[in-house]
Amino acid sequence: MPEAKAIYYFKQIVEAFKTLTKLNIMHRDLKPDNILLHNGLIKIADFGFCKSLTSPQGLAETMLGSPLYMAPEVLKGENYTMKADIWSLGVVLYEMLTGECPYKSGSIAKLIQVLDSTDAQIPKTTNPNLERLLKRMLVKDPQRRIEWS
């Protein structure tokens, strides 16, 4: 979709996640199927995998969600924080801009190999600010990934 439209929807998704993060809730299954559009407004759906944490630094360990949108640490079965949702949001934004996921494979094992061996290819026509944001969201190391704030 055009960048302006993607940014318009992305801002609404981020606003929804601001509320979730204030309440220390991890969604854990953000993907296009769980983003509803009605009269130009975005609604986040399917909270079946969400997890309430005691603090923003709280950890989760269950591998839940849709593999193409899962953060690397989730795919690898490691403990993870709310930053896993930042990765998923980055994948969704990337898909809105390009029409495809940045990392694809037919199995979780191969998807992990692809994640370990390649970086997301952001189209050169992408707005520089948007490119920087995507690169900060799609950082494989959660310690270096952008913060919610």
N, C-alpha and C. Protein backbone atom coordinates (compact mmCIF):
# COMPACT_ATOMS: atom_id res chain seq x y z
N MET A 1 0.85 -1.17 0.00
CA MET A 1 0.00 0.00 0.00
C MET A 1 0.89 1.23 0.00
N PRO A 2 0.38 2.34 -0.41
CA PRO A 2 1.18 3.58 -0.41
C PRO A 2 1.68 3.90 0.99
N GLU A 3 2.87 4.48 1.08
CA GLU A 3 3.47 4.80 2.38
C GLU A 3 2.55 5.63 3.26
N ALA A 4 1.92 6.64 2.70
CA ALA A 4 1.07 7.52 3.51
C ALA A 4 -0.06 6.72 4.17
N LYS A 5 -0.64 5.82 3.44
CA LYS A 5 -1.72 5.00 3.99
C LYS A 5 -1.18 4.03 5.04
N ALA A 6 -0.03 3.43 4.77
CA ALA A 6 0.59 2.52 5.73
C ALA A 6 0.91 3.25 7.03
N ILE A 7 1.44 4.46 6.93
CA ILE A 7 1.77 5.25 8.13
C ILE A 7 0.50 5.60 8.89
N TYR A 8 -0.55 5.95 8.19
CA TYR A 8 -1.83 6.28 8.82
C TYR A 8 -2.32 5.10 9.66
N TYR A 9 -2.30 3.90 9.10
CA TYR A 9 -2.75 2.71 9.82
C TYR A 9 -1.76 2.33 10.92
N PHE A 10 -0.48 2.45 10.61
CA PHE A 10 0.57 2.10 11.57
C PHE A 10 0.43 2.94 12.84
N LYS A 11 0.19 4.24 12.69
CA LYS A 11 0.03 5.12 13.85
C LYS A 11 -1.12 4.64 14.73
N GLN A 12 -2.21 4.19 14.12
CA GLN A 12 -3.35 3.70 14.90
C GLN A 12 -2.99 2.41 15.64
N ILE A 13 -2.23 1.54 14.99
CA ILE A 13 -1.81 0.29 15.64
C ILE A 13 -0.91 0.62 16.83
N VAL A 14 0.01 1.55 16.64
CA VAL A 14 0.91 1.95 17.74
C VAL A 14 0.11 2.53 18.90
N GLU A 15 -0.90 3.33 18.61
CA GLU A 15 -1.75 3.88 19.68
C GLU A 15 -2.42 2.76 20.47
N ALA A 16 -2.89 1.74 19.79
CA ALA A 16 -3.50 0.60 20.48
C ALA A 16 -2.47 -0.09 21.37
N PHE A 17 -1.26 -0.23 20.86
CA PHE A 17 -0.20 -0.89 21.65
C PHE A 17 0.29 -0.02 22.80
N LYS A 18 0.15 1.29 22.70
CA LYS A 18 0.48 2.15 23.84
C LYS A 18 -0.39 1.77 25.03
N THR A 19 -1.65 1.53 24.76
CA THR A 19 -2.56 1.13 25.84
C THR A 19 -2.15 -0.22 26.40
N LEU A 20 -1.85 -1.16 25.53
CA LEU A 20 -1.44 -2.49 25.99
C LEU A 20 -0.17 -2.42 26.84
N THR A 21 0.81 -1.64 26.39
CA THR A 21 2.06 -1.59 27.14
C THR A 21 1.88 -0.89 28.48
N LYS A 22 1.01 0.11 28.55
CA LYS A 22 0.74 0.76 29.84
C LYS A 22 0.14 -0.24 30.83
N LEU A 23 -0.61 -1.20 30.30
CA LEU A 23 -1.25 -2.23 31.15
C LEU A 23 -0.38 -3.48 31.30
N ASN A 24 0.86 -3.41 30.76
CA ASN A 24 1.80 -4.55 30.80
C ASN A 24 1.20 -5.81 30.17
N ILE A 25 0.59 -5.63 29.00
CA ILE A 25 -0.01 -6.75 28.28
C ILE A 25 0.76 -6.98 26.98
N MET A 26 1.19 -8.23 26.79
CA MET A 26 1.80 -8.65 25.53
C MET A 26 0.71 -9.27 24.67
N HIS A 27 0.63 -8.87 23.43
CA HIS A 27 -0.38 -9.45 22.52
C HIS A 27 0.04 -10.84 22.07
N ARG A 28 1.24 -10.98 21.59
CA ARG A 28 1.88 -12.23 21.18
C ARG A 28 1.34 -12.87 19.90
N ASP A 29 0.43 -12.22 19.21
CA ASP A 29 -0.04 -12.78 17.94
C ASP A 29 -0.45 -11.69 16.97
N LEU A 30 0.35 -10.62 16.93
CA LEU A 30 0.04 -9.55 15.99
C LEU A 30 0.39 -10.01 14.58
N LYS A 31 -0.58 -9.91 13.70
CA LYS A 31 -0.43 -10.24 12.29
C LYS A 31 -1.58 -9.57 11.56
N PRO A 32 -1.52 -9.45 10.25
CA PRO A 32 -2.61 -8.77 9.51
C PRO A 32 -4.00 -9.35 9.80
N ASP A 33 -4.10 -10.64 9.99
CA ASP A 33 -5.41 -11.25 10.27
C ASP A 33 -6.03 -10.74 11.56
N ASN A 34 -5.21 -10.22 12.47
CA ASN A 34 -5.70 -9.74 13.76
C ASN A 34 -5.77 -8.22 13.83
N ILE A 35 -5.70 -7.60 12.68
CA ILE A 35 -5.85 -6.15 12.59
C ILE A 35 -7.10 -5.89 11.74
N LEU A 36 -8.11 -5.34 12.38
CA LEU A 36 -9.38 -5.11 11.71
C LEU A 36 -9.49 -3.66 11.28
N LEU A 37 -10.12 -3.45 10.14
CA LEU A 37 -10.32 -2.10 9.61
C LEU A 37 -11.81 -1.88 9.43
N HIS A 38 -12.33 -0.82 10.07
CA HIS A 38 -13.74 -0.49 9.94
C HIS A 38 -13.89 1.02 9.84
N ASN A 39 -14.44 1.49 8.75
CA ASN A 39 -14.62 2.93 8.52
C ASN A 39 -13.32 3.71 8.70
N GLY A 40 -12.23 3.15 8.22
CA GLY A 40 -10.93 3.83 8.29
C GLY A 40 -10.24 3.75 9.63
N LEU A 41 -10.84 3.03 10.58
CA LEU A 41 -10.24 2.90 11.91
C LEU A 41 -9.75 1.48 12.15
N ILE A 42 -8.60 1.40 12.78
CA ILE A 42 -7.97 0.12 13.10
C ILE A 42 -8.41 -0.36 14.47
N LYS A 43 -8.67 -1.64 14.56
CA LYS A 43 -8.95 -2.31 15.84
C LYS A 43 -8.06 -3.54 15.90
N ILE A 44 -7.43 -3.77 17.04
CA ILE A 44 -6.61 -4.95 17.23
C ILE A 44 -7.53 -6.04 17.79
N ALA A 45 -7.40 -7.24 17.24
CA ALA A 45 -8.28 -8.35 17.62
C ALA A 45 -7.48 -9.56 18.09
N ASP A 46 -8.19 -10.55 18.52
CA ASP A 46 -7.67 -11.86 18.92
C ASP A 46 -6.66 -11.76 20.05
N PHE A 47 -7.17 -11.62 21.24
CA PHE A 47 -6.33 -11.54 22.42
C PHE A 47 -6.21 -12.90 23.11
N GLY A 48 -6.44 -13.96 22.36
CA GLY A 48 -6.38 -15.30 22.93
C GLY A 48 -5.01 -15.71 23.44
N PHE A 49 -3.94 -15.15 22.88
CA PHE A 49 -2.58 -15.48 23.30
C PHE A 49 -1.97 -14.40 24.18
N CYS A 50 -2.73 -13.34 24.48
CA CYS A 50 -2.13 -12.24 25.23
C CYS A 50 -1.70 -12.71 26.62
N LYS A 51 -0.74 -11.98 27.18
CA LYS A 51 -0.22 -12.31 28.50
C LYS A 51 -0.09 -11.03 29.30
N SER A 52 -0.65 -11.07 30.49
CA SER A 52 -0.53 -9.96 31.42
C SER A 52 0.74 -10.16 32.24
N LEU A 53 1.57 -9.13 32.30
CA LEU A 53 2.83 -9.19 33.02
C LEU A 53 2.76 -8.34 34.27
N THR A 54 3.63 -8.62 35.21
CA THR A 54 3.66 -7.83 36.44
C THR A 54 4.44 -6.53 36.25
N SER A 55 5.28 -6.47 35.19
CA SER A 55 6.05 -5.26 34.92
C SER A 55 6.42 -5.24 33.44
N PRO A 56 6.84 -4.08 32.92
CA PRO A 56 7.25 -4.01 31.52
C PRO A 56 8.44 -4.91 31.19
N GLN A 57 9.22 -5.27 32.20
CA GLN A 57 10.38 -6.13 31.98
C GLN A 57 10.05 -7.60 32.16
N GLY A 58 8.79 -7.90 32.43
CA GLY A 58 8.37 -9.29 32.65
C GLY A 58 8.70 -10.19 31.47
N LEU A 59 8.90 -11.45 31.77
CA LEU A 59 9.28 -12.42 30.73
C LEU A 59 8.15 -13.40 30.46
N ALA A 60 8.14 -13.88 29.23
CA ALA A 60 7.26 -14.97 28.83
C ALA A 60 8.15 -16.02 28.20
N GLU A 61 7.66 -17.25 28.16
CA GLU A 61 8.49 -18.31 27.60
C GLU A 61 7.76 -19.24 26.63
N THR A 62 6.45 -19.13 26.54
CA THR A 62 5.68 -20.00 25.69
C THR A 62 5.78 -19.56 24.24
N MET A 63 6.02 -20.50 23.33
CA MET A 63 6.08 -20.18 21.91
C MET A 63 4.66 -20.13 21.38
N LEU A 64 4.16 -18.92 21.19
CA LEU A 64 2.81 -18.70 20.70
C LEU A 64 2.85 -17.70 19.57
N GLY A 65 1.87 -17.80 18.68
CA GLY A 65 1.75 -16.83 17.61
C GLY A 65 1.89 -17.48 16.25
N SER A 66 2.07 -16.64 15.27
CA SER A 66 2.22 -17.08 13.88
C SER A 66 3.69 -16.94 13.50
N PRO A 67 4.33 -18.03 13.12
CA PRO A 67 5.79 -18.03 12.91
C PRO A 67 6.34 -16.88 12.07
N LEU A 68 5.69 -16.50 10.98
CA LEU A 68 6.24 -15.44 10.13
C LEU A 68 6.30 -14.09 10.85
N TYR A 69 5.52 -13.94 11.90
CA TYR A 69 5.45 -12.67 12.63
C TYR A 69 6.11 -12.75 14.00
N MET A 70 6.61 -13.93 14.37
CA MET A 70 7.25 -14.12 15.68
C MET A 70 8.65 -13.53 15.69
N ALA A 71 8.99 -12.93 16.81
CA ALA A 71 10.35 -12.43 17.00
C ALA A 71 11.31 -13.62 17.05
N PRO A 72 12.56 -13.42 16.64
CA PRO A 72 13.54 -14.52 16.65
C PRO A 72 13.66 -15.22 17.99
N GLU A 73 13.62 -14.45 19.09
CA GLU A 73 13.76 -15.06 20.41
C GLU A 73 12.58 -15.98 20.73
N VAL A 74 11.41 -15.67 20.21
CA VAL A 74 10.24 -16.52 20.43
C VAL A 74 10.38 -17.80 19.61
N LEU A 75 10.76 -17.64 18.34
CA LEU A 75 10.95 -18.80 17.45
C LEU A 75 11.98 -19.77 18.00
N LYS A 76 12.99 -19.24 18.66
CA LYS A 76 14.07 -20.09 19.18
C LYS A 76 13.76 -20.68 20.55
N GLY A 77 12.57 -20.38 21.08
CA GLY A 77 12.18 -20.95 22.37
C GLY A 77 12.84 -20.28 23.56
N GLU A 78 13.34 -19.06 23.38
CA GLU A 78 13.99 -18.33 24.47
C GLU A 78 12.94 -17.52 25.24
N ASN A 79 13.29 -17.11 26.45
CA ASN A 79 12.42 -16.18 27.17
C ASN A 79 12.38 -14.87 26.39
N TYR A 80 11.26 -14.16 26.49
CA TYR A 80 11.13 -12.92 25.73
C TYR A 80 10.31 -11.91 26.51
N THR A 81 10.43 -10.65 26.10
CA THR A 81 9.74 -9.53 26.74
C THR A 81 8.73 -8.94 25.77
N MET A 82 8.18 -7.81 26.17
CA MET A 82 7.21 -7.11 25.33
C MET A 82 7.83 -6.63 24.02
N LYS A 83 9.15 -6.66 23.95
CA LYS A 83 9.81 -6.27 22.70
C LYS A 83 9.50 -7.25 21.56
N ALA A 84 9.03 -8.44 21.89
CA ALA A 84 8.64 -9.38 20.84
C ALA A 84 7.49 -8.81 20.01
N ASP A 85 6.60 -8.06 20.66
CA ASP A 85 5.50 -7.42 19.93
C ASP A 85 6.02 -6.31 19.01
N ILE A 86 7.13 -5.67 19.39
CA ILE A 86 7.72 -4.64 18.52
C ILE A 86 8.18 -5.29 17.22
N TRP A 87 8.82 -6.45 17.32
CA TRP A 87 9.25 -7.17 16.12
C TRP A 87 8.04 -7.47 15.23
N SER A 88 6.99 -8.02 15.83
CA SER A 88 5.79 -8.38 15.06
C SER A 88 5.20 -7.15 14.38
N LEU A 89 5.18 -6.04 15.08
CA LEU A 89 4.68 -4.80 14.50
C LEU A 89 5.56 -4.35 13.33
N GLY A 90 6.87 -4.53 13.47
CA GLY A 90 7.78 -4.22 12.36
C GLY A 90 7.52 -5.08 11.14
N VAL A 91 7.25 -6.36 11.37
CA VAL A 91 6.95 -7.27 10.26
C VAL A 91 5.65 -6.83 9.57
N VAL A 92 4.66 -6.45 10.36
CA VAL A 92 3.39 -5.98 9.79
C VAL A 92 3.60 -4.71 8.97
N LEU A 93 4.37 -3.77 9.50
CA LEU A 93 4.65 -2.53 8.76
C LEU A 93 5.38 -2.84 7.46
N TYR A 94 6.37 -3.70 7.54
CA TYR A 94 7.13 -4.11 6.35
C TYR A 94 6.17 -4.69 5.30
N GLU A 95 5.26 -5.55 5.76
CA GLU A 95 4.31 -6.18 4.84
C GLU A 95 3.34 -5.16 4.24
N MET A 96 2.94 -4.18 5.04
CA MET A 96 2.06 -3.13 4.49
C MET A 96 2.77 -2.38 3.36
N LEU A 97 4.06 -2.18 3.50
CA LEU A 97 4.82 -1.41 2.52
C LEU A 97 5.24 -2.21 1.29
N THR A 98 5.50 -3.51 1.48
CA THR A 98 6.06 -4.31 0.38
C THR A 98 5.12 -5.38 -0.15
N GLY A 99 4.10 -5.75 0.64
CA GLY A 99 3.19 -6.81 0.21
C GLY A 99 3.66 -8.20 0.60
N GLU A 100 4.78 -8.29 1.30
CA GLU A 100 5.27 -9.60 1.74
C GLU A 100 6.03 -9.49 3.06
N CYS A 101 6.20 -10.63 3.72
CA CYS A 101 6.94 -10.66 4.98
C CYS A 101 8.44 -10.56 4.69
N PRO A 102 9.20 -9.98 5.61
CA PRO A 102 10.64 -9.84 5.37
C PRO A 102 11.38 -11.17 5.42
N TYR A 103 10.84 -12.14 6.15
CA TYR A 103 11.47 -13.46 6.27
C TYR A 103 10.41 -14.51 6.02
N LYS A 104 10.71 -15.46 5.12
CA LYS A 104 9.72 -16.48 4.79
C LYS A 104 10.39 -17.84 4.70
N SER A 105 9.63 -18.87 5.08
CA SER A 105 10.08 -20.24 4.92
C SER A 105 8.90 -21.16 5.22
N GLY A 106 9.02 -22.41 4.78
CA GLY A 106 7.94 -23.38 4.96
C GLY A 106 7.95 -24.09 6.31
N SER A 107 9.01 -23.94 7.08
CA SER A 107 9.08 -24.60 8.39
C SER A 107 9.75 -23.66 9.39
N ILE A 108 9.51 -23.92 10.66
CA ILE A 108 10.11 -23.08 11.70
C ILE A 108 11.63 -23.22 11.68
N ALA A 109 12.13 -24.45 11.50
CA ALA A 109 13.58 -24.65 11.49
C ALA A 109 14.24 -23.85 10.36
N LYS A 110 13.64 -23.89 9.17
CA LYS A 110 14.21 -23.13 8.04
C LYS A 110 14.02 -21.63 8.24
N LEU A 111 12.93 -21.24 8.86
CA LEU A 111 12.71 -19.82 9.13
C LEU A 111 13.79 -19.29 10.07
N ILE A 112 14.15 -20.07 11.07
CA ILE A 112 15.23 -19.67 11.99
C ILE A 112 16.54 -19.54 11.22
N GLN A 113 16.81 -20.47 10.29
CA GLN A 113 18.03 -20.38 9.47
C GLN A 113 18.03 -19.10 8.64
N VAL A 114 16.88 -18.79 8.04
CA VAL A 114 16.78 -17.58 7.22
C VAL A 114 17.01 -16.34 8.08
N LEU A 115 16.40 -16.31 9.26
CA LEU A 115 16.59 -15.17 10.18
C LEU A 115 18.05 -15.03 10.59
N ASP A 116 18.70 -16.15 10.86
CA ASP A 116 20.10 -16.12 11.31
C ASP A 116 21.06 -15.69 10.20
N SER A 117 20.69 -15.94 8.95
CA SER A 117 21.65 -15.74 7.87
C SER A 117 21.38 -14.52 6.98
N THR A 118 20.23 -13.87 7.14
CA THR A 118 19.92 -12.74 6.25
C THR A 118 19.34 -11.58 7.05
N ASP A 119 19.37 -10.42 6.43
CA ASP A 119 18.72 -9.24 6.99
C ASP A 119 17.56 -8.86 6.08
N ALA A 120 16.57 -8.21 6.65
CA ALA A 120 15.42 -7.76 5.87
C ALA A 120 15.89 -6.77 4.80
N GLN A 121 15.40 -6.96 3.60
CA GLN A 121 15.75 -6.08 2.49
C GLN A 121 14.67 -5.02 2.35
N ILE A 122 14.96 -3.83 2.83
CA ILE A 122 14.00 -2.74 2.78
C ILE A 122 14.17 -2.03 1.43
N PRO A 123 13.07 -1.89 0.69
CA PRO A 123 13.16 -1.26 -0.64
C PRO A 123 13.82 0.10 -0.58
N LYS A 124 14.67 0.37 -1.56
CA LYS A 124 15.42 1.63 -1.60
C LYS A 124 14.51 2.85 -1.77
N THR A 125 13.29 2.63 -2.22
CA THR A 125 12.35 3.73 -2.41
C THR A 125 11.64 4.13 -1.12
N THR A 126 11.91 3.41 -0.03
CA THR A 126 11.26 3.71 1.26
C THR A 126 11.77 5.02 1.83
N ASN A 127 10.87 5.80 2.38
CA ASN A 127 11.21 7.05 3.06
C ASN A 127 12.32 6.76 4.07
N PRO A 128 13.39 7.58 4.11
CA PRO A 128 14.51 7.32 5.02
C PRO A 128 14.11 7.18 6.50
N ASN A 129 13.17 7.99 6.96
CA ASN A 129 12.73 7.89 8.36
C ASN A 129 12.02 6.56 8.61
N LEU A 130 11.21 6.15 7.67
CA LEU A 130 10.50 4.88 7.79
C LEU A 130 11.48 3.71 7.71
N GLU A 131 12.47 3.83 6.87
CA GLU A 131 13.51 2.80 6.76
C GLU A 131 14.26 2.66 8.09
N ARG A 132 14.62 3.78 8.70
CA ARG A 132 15.31 3.75 10.00
C ARG A 132 14.44 3.08 11.06
N LEU A 133 13.16 3.42 11.08
CA LEU A 133 12.24 2.83 12.05
C LEU A 133 12.16 1.32 11.85
N LEU A 134 11.98 0.88 10.63
CA LEU A 134 11.91 -0.56 10.34
C LEU A 134 13.18 -1.27 10.78
N LYS A 135 14.31 -0.67 10.49
CA LYS A 135 15.59 -1.29 10.88
C LYS A 135 15.72 -1.38 12.39
N ARG A 136 15.16 -0.43 13.13
CA ARG A 136 15.23 -0.47 14.60
C ARG A 136 14.23 -1.46 15.19
N MET A 137 13.13 -1.69 14.48
CA MET A 137 12.13 -2.65 14.95
C MET A 137 12.53 -4.09 14.63
N LEU A 138 13.17 -4.28 13.50
CA LEU A 138 13.52 -5.63 13.04
C LEU A 138 14.95 -6.01 13.42
N VAL A 139 15.38 -5.56 14.58
CA VAL A 139 16.68 -5.95 15.13
C VAL A 139 16.51 -7.32 15.77
N LYS A 140 17.34 -8.25 15.38
CA LYS A 140 17.20 -9.63 15.85
C LYS A 140 17.51 -9.79 17.33
N ASP A 141 18.44 -9.00 17.84
CA ASP A 141 18.80 -9.05 19.26
C ASP A 141 17.82 -8.16 20.03
N PRO A 142 16.96 -8.75 20.87
CA PRO A 142 15.95 -7.94 21.57
C PRO A 142 16.56 -6.88 22.48
N GLN A 143 17.78 -7.08 22.95
CA GLN A 143 18.43 -6.08 23.80
C GLN A 143 18.73 -4.81 23.00
N ARG A 144 18.94 -4.94 21.70
CA ARG A 144 19.26 -3.80 20.84
C ARG A 144 18.05 -3.26 20.09
N ARG A 145 16.95 -3.99 20.14
CA ARG A 145 15.71 -3.56 19.45
C ARG A 145 15.18 -2.30 20.10
N ILE A 146 14.53 -1.48 19.32
CA ILE A 146 13.95 -0.23 19.81
C ILE A 146 13.01 -0.51 21.00
N GLU A 147 12.94 0.45 21.91
CA GLU A 147 12.05 0.36 23.07
C GLU A 147 10.65 0.88 22.68
N TRP A 148 9.65 0.51 23.45
CA TRP A 148 8.30 1.02 23.20
C TRP A 148 8.24 2.53 23.33
N SER A 149 8.97 3.07 24.28
CA SER A 149 8.92 4.53 24.47
C SER A 149 9.51 5.27 23.28
